[in-house]
Amino acid sequence: MTKKLYGHLPIPLKRVHIELTNVCDFNCVFCPKSEMKRRYGYMDTALAKALIDELTGNRVCEKITFHVMGEPTLHPDFFDILSHAEKAGMGVGLTTNGSCLGTEKGKRLLSHRLHQLDVSFQTPDAKSFVLRKAGGIKFEAYLKGVFDFFAAYHKKYPETIFKFRFLNTRFSKKSLEKRKGAIDVISSTRELRKTFQDWAGRIYDITGADEAFRAKAMKALNKLTAYKWNVIEICPNVFFETYILEDWGHAFDDRPVRDAWAGYCFGMRDHFAVLHNGDVALCCIDYDGNTAIGNLHKEPLKQILSSEKAKKIIEGFSKFRLEHPYCKKCLGSSSLAAWLFKPVASVVALKTLKPFFYNKKKIF
């Protein structure tokens, strides 16, 4: 089935990421926040609403997700923007570090039915929580806030997809650890399974999932490995996810990087991102806006997506060809062996495997 075009972009996309702010109350050592060169700020509320209207009116995407950098709930007009998206009829995903869930903001969020809510929990215990550099927030209080919120929200909106995200450091990133020190979070298959078993118990205490679903989930859990990205449904519409520690396109790498000779990315294929200052960026891991192809304060979204620059990039990805210099760096490698292998891996993982899991789980 041929998709419609919005400019040169085949639509509808799975989602569009809207960065309401790049300000965050956490300073996680594994996050590229410390490497970010662009200014901190908040998206103009009128721009956010106009963007949502355009995306909805033209059916550009199936949902919007408040996520790139920063903690979206810190935007002073967060609930106003969220309500606007709901009234527009747009499905909304929210990615949060969870710090607000045990506060008045969490109570207000109970009045909003989200399509998907991702809690970037990352660190499942007090020892690893230190890596979040969360200021005066204590782990037990943070944990209680998240679970109290989850219990209330899941009871009220059981159809909302709720995902707990955890970091997996089975493969260390030497360049990152050289700057930040050792990063150890769920670094073995045994630890991964035990962590998920413990956390599943917490979830079952709250949801009371039936025995058949529990048995199925536990069987799947005992097949997980720490060598890859994992998503498992613990009970209906509640997922655990681990993702392997990344370097955000060599954000922490001081070594020379060979540009990738080919590759594939979901940018402009599955999603794109709009940063808080109005920059339209190719993908959600572009933490510094290096792939911006236009700015909504200067020209309309459709005009940006109708440009020759956008056309070249979109057509390039469809042929596993990287057109943007930053994409070549992001998928590039420091070693010759990785340089040869990584482009192939990106095609297999992103073109083949991840869409399969997306269609199976209906998340992301």
Protein backbone atom coordinates (compact mmCIF):
# COMPACT_ATOMS: atom_id res chain seq x y z
CA MET A 1 0.00 0.00 0.00
CA THR A 2 1.48 3.32 -1.10
CA LYS A 3 1.67 5.95 1.61
CA LYS A 4 0.64 9.54 1.10
CA LEU A 5 3.33 12.19 1.02
CA TYR A 6 3.63 15.28 3.17
CA GLY A 7 6.29 17.15 1.32
CA HIS A 8 8.69 14.32 0.50
CA LEU A 9 7.82 12.43 3.69
CA PRO A 10 5.75 9.22 3.43
CA ILE A 11 2.99 9.44 6.04
CA PRO A 12 1.65 8.51 8.48
CA LEU A 13 4.77 8.05 10.58
CA LYS A 14 4.63 6.03 13.78
CA ARG A 15 5.25 9.17 15.84
CA VAL A 16 6.72 12.65 15.96
CA HIS A 17 8.87 13.57 18.95
CA ILE A 18 8.18 17.00 20.44
CA GLU A 19 10.83 18.30 22.82
CA LEU A 20 8.98 20.66 25.14
CA THR A 21 12.24 21.44 26.92
CA ASN A 22 15.82 20.22 27.11
CA VAL A 23 15.95 21.14 30.82
CA CYS A 24 16.12 18.17 33.18
CA ASP A 25 16.19 17.85 36.96
CA PHE A 26 18.45 14.77 36.69
CA ASN A 27 22.07 14.76 35.54
CA CYS A 28 22.52 11.11 34.59
CA VAL A 29 26.16 10.28 33.86
CA PHE A 30 25.16 8.13 30.86
CA CYS A 31 23.13 10.93 29.26
CA PRO A 32 24.69 13.36 26.73
CA LYS A 33 23.26 16.33 28.62
CA SER A 34 26.78 17.22 29.73
CA GLU A 35 27.92 17.26 26.08
CA MET A 36 25.01 19.33 24.80
CA LYS A 37 26.09 22.65 23.27
CA ARG A 38 22.70 24.13 22.44
CA ARG A 39 20.95 26.51 24.80
CA TYR A 40 18.51 25.38 27.43
CA GLY A 41 14.96 26.53 26.92
CA TYR A 42 11.26 25.76 26.61
CA MET A 43 9.18 25.43 23.46
CA ASP A 44 6.89 28.37 22.86
CA THR A 45 3.42 27.20 23.89
CA ALA A 46 1.75 28.67 20.80
CA LEU A 47 4.28 26.86 18.59
CA ALA A 48 3.65 23.55 20.38
CA LYS A 49 -0.10 23.86 19.89
CA ALA A 50 0.20 24.92 16.25
CA LEU A 51 2.54 21.99 15.57
CA ILE A 52 0.09 19.54 17.17
CA ASP A 53 -2.73 20.97 15.06
CA GLU A 54 -0.70 20.59 11.87
CA LEU A 55 0.35 17.03 12.67
CA THR A 56 -3.22 16.09 13.55
CA GLY A 57 -4.96 17.91 10.70
CA ASN A 58 -2.69 16.37 8.07
CA ARG A 59 -2.44 12.95 9.71
CA VAL A 60 1.33 13.17 9.64
CA CYS A 61 1.75 10.63 12.45
CA GLU A 62 -0.13 8.09 14.53
CA LYS A 63 0.88 9.76 17.78
CA ILE A 64 3.13 12.42 19.25
CA THR A 65 5.64 11.71 21.97
CA PHE A 66 6.89 14.32 24.40
CA HIS A 67 10.52 13.24 24.39
CA VAL A 68 13.98 14.01 23.07
CA MET A 69 16.12 15.62 25.75
CA GLY A 70 14.94 17.06 29.05
CA GLU A 71 12.01 16.29 31.34
CA PRO A 72 8.83 17.37 29.50
CA THR A 73 6.76 17.88 32.65
CA LEU A 74 9.05 20.77 33.60
CA HIS A 75 7.53 22.91 30.84
CA PRO A 76 5.45 25.59 32.63
CA ASP A 77 2.50 24.95 30.28
CA PHE A 78 2.87 21.17 30.10
CA PHE A 79 -0.72 20.37 31.08
CA ASP A 80 -2.13 23.08 28.81
CA ILE A 81 -0.23 21.59 25.85
CA LEU A 82 -1.22 18.04 26.85
CA SER A 83 -4.90 19.04 27.03
CA HIS A 84 -4.63 20.68 23.62
CA ALA A 85 -3.26 17.45 22.11
CA GLU A 86 -6.09 15.46 23.67
CA LYS A 87 -8.74 17.84 22.33
CA ALA A 88 -7.14 17.67 18.88
CA GLY A 89 -7.65 13.91 18.97
CA MET A 90 -3.97 13.06 18.86
CA GLY A 91 -2.62 10.01 20.68
CA VAL A 92 0.02 11.12 23.16
CA GLY A 93 3.09 9.36 24.49
CA LEU A 94 5.06 10.74 27.42
CA THR A 95 8.60 9.81 28.36
CA THR A 96 9.52 10.92 31.87
CA ASN A 97 12.30 10.28 34.35
CA GLY A 98 9.55 9.71 36.91
CA SER A 99 10.63 12.41 39.35
CA CYS A 100 7.27 14.17 39.12
CA LEU A 101 5.04 11.13 39.48
CA GLY A 102 4.95 11.22 43.26
CA THR A 103 4.14 14.94 43.34
CA GLU A 104 1.16 17.15 42.57
CA LYS A 105 2.03 16.85 38.87
CA GLY A 106 1.50 13.11 39.15
CA LYS A 107 -1.93 13.69 40.67
CA ARG A 108 -2.82 16.06 37.81
CA LEU A 109 -1.60 13.52 35.27
CA LEU A 110 -4.25 11.12 36.56
CA SER A 111 -6.80 13.28 34.76
CA HIS A 112 -5.20 12.62 31.37
CA ARG A 113 -5.55 9.41 29.37
CA LEU A 114 -2.25 8.83 27.56
CA HIS A 115 -1.68 6.36 24.75
CA GLN A 116 1.70 5.37 26.20
CA LEU A 117 3.68 6.35 29.27
CA ASP A 118 7.38 5.44 29.46
CA VAL A 119 9.19 5.79 32.76
CA SER A 120 12.93 5.97 32.14
CA PHE A 121 13.72 4.25 35.38
CA GLN A 122 17.16 3.16 34.15
CA THR A 123 18.63 2.30 37.58
CA PRO A 124 16.67 -0.37 39.49
CA ASP A 125 18.35 -0.08 42.90
CA ALA A 126 19.76 2.44 45.34
CA LYS A 127 23.37 1.69 44.37
CA SER A 128 22.90 2.40 40.67
CA PHE A 129 20.50 5.31 41.33
CA VAL A 130 23.58 7.33 42.32
CA LEU A 131 24.36 7.49 38.58
CA ARG A 132 21.25 9.63 38.08
CA LYS A 133 22.65 12.56 40.10
CA ALA A 134 19.11 13.41 41.11
CA GLY A 135 19.94 16.11 43.62
CA GLY A 136 18.08 15.72 46.90
CA ILE A 137 15.76 12.96 45.65
CA LYS A 138 16.25 9.74 47.61
CA PHE A 139 15.83 6.39 45.88
CA GLU A 140 13.17 4.98 48.20
CA ALA A 141 11.04 8.12 47.93
CA TYR A 142 11.48 8.10 44.17
CA LEU A 143 10.55 4.43 43.99
CA LYS A 144 7.45 4.91 46.13
CA GLY A 145 6.32 7.88 44.05
CA VAL A 146 6.60 5.91 40.81
CA PHE A 147 4.78 2.84 42.12
CA ASP A 148 2.04 4.78 43.89
CA PHE A 149 1.41 6.63 40.65
CA PHE A 150 1.51 3.45 38.57
CA ALA A 151 -1.01 1.74 40.85
CA ALA A 152 -3.48 4.62 40.55
CA TYR A 153 -2.92 5.25 36.83
CA HIS A 154 -3.05 1.63 35.69
CA LYS A 155 -6.24 1.05 37.65
CA LYS A 156 -7.88 4.07 36.02
CA TYR A 157 -6.49 3.56 32.49
CA PRO A 158 -5.64 -0.16 32.05
CA GLU A 159 -5.55 0.28 28.26
CA THR A 160 -2.67 2.78 28.43
CA ILE A 161 0.65 1.20 27.52
CA PHE A 162 2.95 1.58 30.53
CA LYS A 163 6.63 0.87 30.00
CA PHE A 164 9.44 0.76 32.55
CA ARG A 165 12.81 1.32 30.85
CA PHE A 166 16.09 0.04 32.30
CA LEU A 167 19.70 0.48 31.29
CA ASN A 168 21.80 -2.54 30.30
CA THR A 169 25.58 -2.11 30.54
CA ARG A 170 26.64 -5.56 29.37
CA PHE A 171 28.85 -3.82 26.82
CA SER A 172 30.85 -0.98 28.32
CA LYS A 173 31.61 2.21 26.43
CA LYS A 174 35.25 2.98 27.11
CA SER A 175 35.11 6.53 25.82
CA LEU A 176 32.13 7.34 28.04
CA GLU A 177 33.59 5.66 31.13
CA LYS A 178 36.90 7.41 30.57
CA ARG A 179 35.09 10.69 31.24
CA LYS A 180 32.39 9.59 33.66
CA GLY A 181 33.83 6.61 35.52
CA ALA A 182 32.53 3.04 35.68
CA ILE A 183 28.86 2.56 34.77
CA ASP A 184 27.39 -0.70 36.02
CA VAL A 185 23.63 -1.32 35.66
CA ILE A 186 22.23 -4.79 34.89
CA SER A 187 25.46 -5.98 33.33
CA SER A 188 24.80 -9.73 33.05
CA THR A 189 22.03 -12.06 31.96
CA ARG A 190 21.69 -13.43 35.48
CA GLU A 191 21.29 -9.93 36.90
CA LEU A 192 18.82 -9.01 34.17
CA ARG A 193 16.56 -11.96 34.90
CA LYS A 194 16.73 -11.47 38.66
CA THR A 195 15.97 -7.76 38.35
CA PHE A 196 12.97 -8.42 36.15
CA GLN A 197 11.72 -11.17 38.46
CA ASP A 198 11.89 -8.83 41.45
CA TRP A 199 10.21 -6.01 39.58
CA ALA A 200 7.57 -8.31 38.15
CA GLY A 201 6.70 -9.27 41.71
CA ARG A 202 6.15 -5.60 42.54
CA ILE A 203 3.89 -5.19 39.53
CA TYR A 204 1.89 -8.31 40.34
CA ASP A 205 1.35 -7.11 43.90
CA ILE A 206 -0.31 -4.04 42.39
CA THR A 207 -2.17 -5.44 39.39
CA GLY A 208 -3.02 -8.96 40.48
CA ALA A 209 -2.41 -10.34 36.99
CA ASP A 210 -3.88 -13.81 36.43
CA GLU A 211 -1.71 -16.89 36.86
CA ALA A 212 -1.73 -17.86 33.18
CA PHE A 213 -0.32 -14.47 32.14
CA ARG A 214 2.27 -14.60 34.93
CA ALA A 215 3.44 -18.05 33.85
CA LYS A 216 3.75 -16.91 30.25
CA ALA A 217 5.69 -13.79 31.27
CA MET A 218 8.04 -15.73 33.55
CA LYS A 219 8.75 -18.24 30.79
CA ALA A 220 9.65 -15.42 28.42
CA LEU A 221 11.66 -13.66 31.12
CA ASN A 222 13.86 -16.70 31.66
CA LYS A 223 14.88 -16.59 28.01
CA LEU A 224 16.15 -13.00 28.11
CA THR A 225 19.82 -12.19 27.69
CA ALA A 226 21.85 -9.10 28.49
CA TYR A 227 23.43 -9.07 25.05
CA LYS A 228 20.59 -7.27 23.32
CA TRP A 229 17.63 -4.96 23.51
CA ASN A 230 14.73 -6.63 25.35
CA VAL A 231 11.02 -5.92 25.68
CA ILE A 232 8.75 -8.16 27.71
CA GLU A 233 5.06 -7.81 28.58
CA ILE A 234 4.75 -8.50 32.31
CA CYS A 235 0.99 -8.12 32.44
CA PRO A 236 -1.52 -6.70 29.93
CA ASN A 237 -0.18 -3.38 28.56
CA VAL A 238 2.68 -3.23 31.10
CA PHE A 239 6.16 -3.74 29.68
CA PHE A 240 9.74 -3.91 30.89
CA GLU A 241 12.44 -2.79 28.47
CA THR A 242 16.21 -2.90 28.63
CA TYR A 243 18.39 -1.17 26.13
CA ILE A 244 22.15 -1.42 25.80
CA LEU A 245 24.27 1.53 26.91
CA GLU A 246 24.89 3.77 23.92
CA ASP A 247 27.26 6.63 23.19
CA TRP A 248 24.68 8.84 21.43
CA GLY A 249 26.46 9.04 18.11
CA HIS A 250 29.96 9.19 19.65
CA ALA A 251 29.00 12.04 21.98
CA PHE A 252 31.71 11.02 24.43
CA ASP A 253 34.27 9.75 21.92
CA ASP A 254 37.55 11.67 21.62
CA ARG A 255 38.96 9.24 19.06
CA PRO A 256 38.78 9.78 15.30
CA VAL A 257 35.58 8.35 13.84
CA ARG A 258 35.37 6.85 10.36
CA ASP A 259 32.23 7.97 8.52
CA ALA A 260 29.84 5.07 7.89
CA TRP A 261 29.87 3.78 4.32
CA ALA A 262 26.17 2.87 4.47
CA GLY A 263 23.44 2.30 7.01
CA TYR A 264 19.82 2.66 8.00
CA CYS A 265 17.98 4.82 10.50
CA PHE A 266 14.36 5.33 11.52
CA GLY A 267 14.84 9.06 11.13
CA MET A 268 12.32 10.41 8.58
CA ARG A 269 11.14 6.83 8.06
CA ASP A 270 9.46 6.05 11.38
CA HIS A 271 9.69 9.43 13.10
CA PHE A 272 11.35 12.82 13.26
CA ALA A 273 11.82 15.30 16.09
CA VAL A 274 11.04 18.94 16.72
CA LEU A 275 13.34 20.51 19.29
CA HIS A 276 12.27 23.15 21.80
CA ASN A 277 13.64 26.01 19.68
CA GLY A 278 11.65 24.90 16.61
CA ASP A 279 14.44 23.01 14.84
CA VAL A 280 13.21 20.01 12.85
CA ALA A 281 15.74 17.22 13.41
CA LEU A 282 15.97 13.86 11.69
CA CYS A 283 15.75 11.61 14.73
CA CYS A 284 15.14 11.39 18.47
CA ILE A 285 18.73 10.62 19.48
CA ASP A 286 20.10 13.81 17.94
CA TYR A 287 20.65 15.40 21.35
CA ASP A 288 22.33 18.54 20.01
CA GLY A 289 20.26 19.30 16.93
CA ASN A 290 23.07 18.49 14.54
CA THR A 291 20.66 17.16 11.90
CA ALA A 292 18.31 20.16 11.87
CA ILE A 293 16.98 20.70 8.34
CA GLY A 294 14.84 23.75 9.10
CA ASN A 295 13.20 25.78 11.84
CA LEU A 296 9.49 26.26 12.42
CA HIS A 297 9.98 29.86 13.48
CA LYS A 298 11.28 30.59 9.96
CA GLU A 299 9.23 28.36 7.68
CA PRO A 300 6.23 25.97 7.86
CA LEU A 301 6.76 22.28 8.51
CA LYS A 302 5.46 21.24 5.09
CA GLN A 303 7.90 23.60 3.41
CA ILE A 304 10.79 22.12 5.39
CA LEU A 305 9.72 18.59 4.47
CA SER A 306 9.34 19.65 0.81
CA SER A 307 12.94 20.84 0.50
CA GLU A 308 15.52 19.17 -1.71
CA LYS A 309 17.60 18.55 1.40
CA ALA A 310 14.77 16.55 2.97
CA LYS A 311 14.15 14.66 -0.27
CA LYS A 312 17.78 13.63 -0.60
CA ILE A 313 17.94 12.41 3.01
CA ILE A 314 14.65 10.48 2.87
CA GLU A 315 15.48 8.80 -0.42
CA GLY A 316 18.96 8.01 0.84
CA PHE A 317 17.71 6.11 3.89
CA SER A 318 15.39 4.03 1.67
CA LYS A 319 18.48 2.86 -0.23
CA PHE A 320 20.67 2.45 2.88
CA ARG A 321 22.64 5.50 1.85
CA LEU A 322 23.52 8.18 4.40
CA GLU A 323 23.30 11.71 3.05
CA HIS A 324 23.66 13.88 6.14
CA PRO A 325 27.25 14.28 7.49
CA TYR A 326 26.11 13.76 11.08
CA CYS A 327 24.32 10.51 10.17
CA LYS A 328 27.60 9.25 8.74
CA LYS A 329 29.33 10.10 12.00
CA CYS A 330 26.54 8.68 14.19
CA LEU A 331 26.67 5.31 12.43
CA GLY A 332 30.43 5.50 11.97
CA SER A 333 33.08 3.70 14.02
CA SER A 334 36.53 4.18 15.48
CA SER A 335 37.82 0.73 14.52
CA LEU A 336 38.04 -0.78 11.05
CA ALA A 337 36.19 -3.97 12.04
CA ALA A 338 33.27 -2.03 13.53
CA TRP A 339 33.26 0.29 10.50
CA LEU A 340 32.75 -2.72 8.24
CA PHE A 341 30.12 -4.40 10.42
CA LYS A 342 28.05 -1.58 11.94
CA PRO A 343 26.21 -0.45 8.77
CA VAL A 344 25.09 -4.03 8.12
CA ALA A 345 23.97 -4.38 11.74
CA SER A 346 21.96 -1.15 11.52
CA VAL A 347 20.08 -2.47 8.49
CA VAL A 348 19.36 -5.85 10.10
CA ALA A 349 18.39 -4.41 13.50
CA LEU A 350 16.40 -1.37 12.40
CA LYS A 351 15.03 -2.41 9.02
CA THR A 352 14.11 -5.98 9.92
CA LEU A 353 14.06 -6.88 13.61
CA LYS A 354 12.74 -3.75 15.32
CA PRO A 355 9.73 -3.33 12.97
CA PHE A 356 8.89 -6.98 13.69
CA PHE A 357 8.84 -6.33 17.44
CA TYR A 358 6.94 -3.09 16.92
CA ASN A 359 4.19 -4.87 15.03
CA LYS A 360 4.13 -7.60 17.66
CA LYS A 361 4.04 -5.36 20.72
CA LYS A 362 2.45 -2.16 19.34
CA ILE A 363 4.74 0.05 21.39
CA PHE A 364 7.51 2.63 20.82
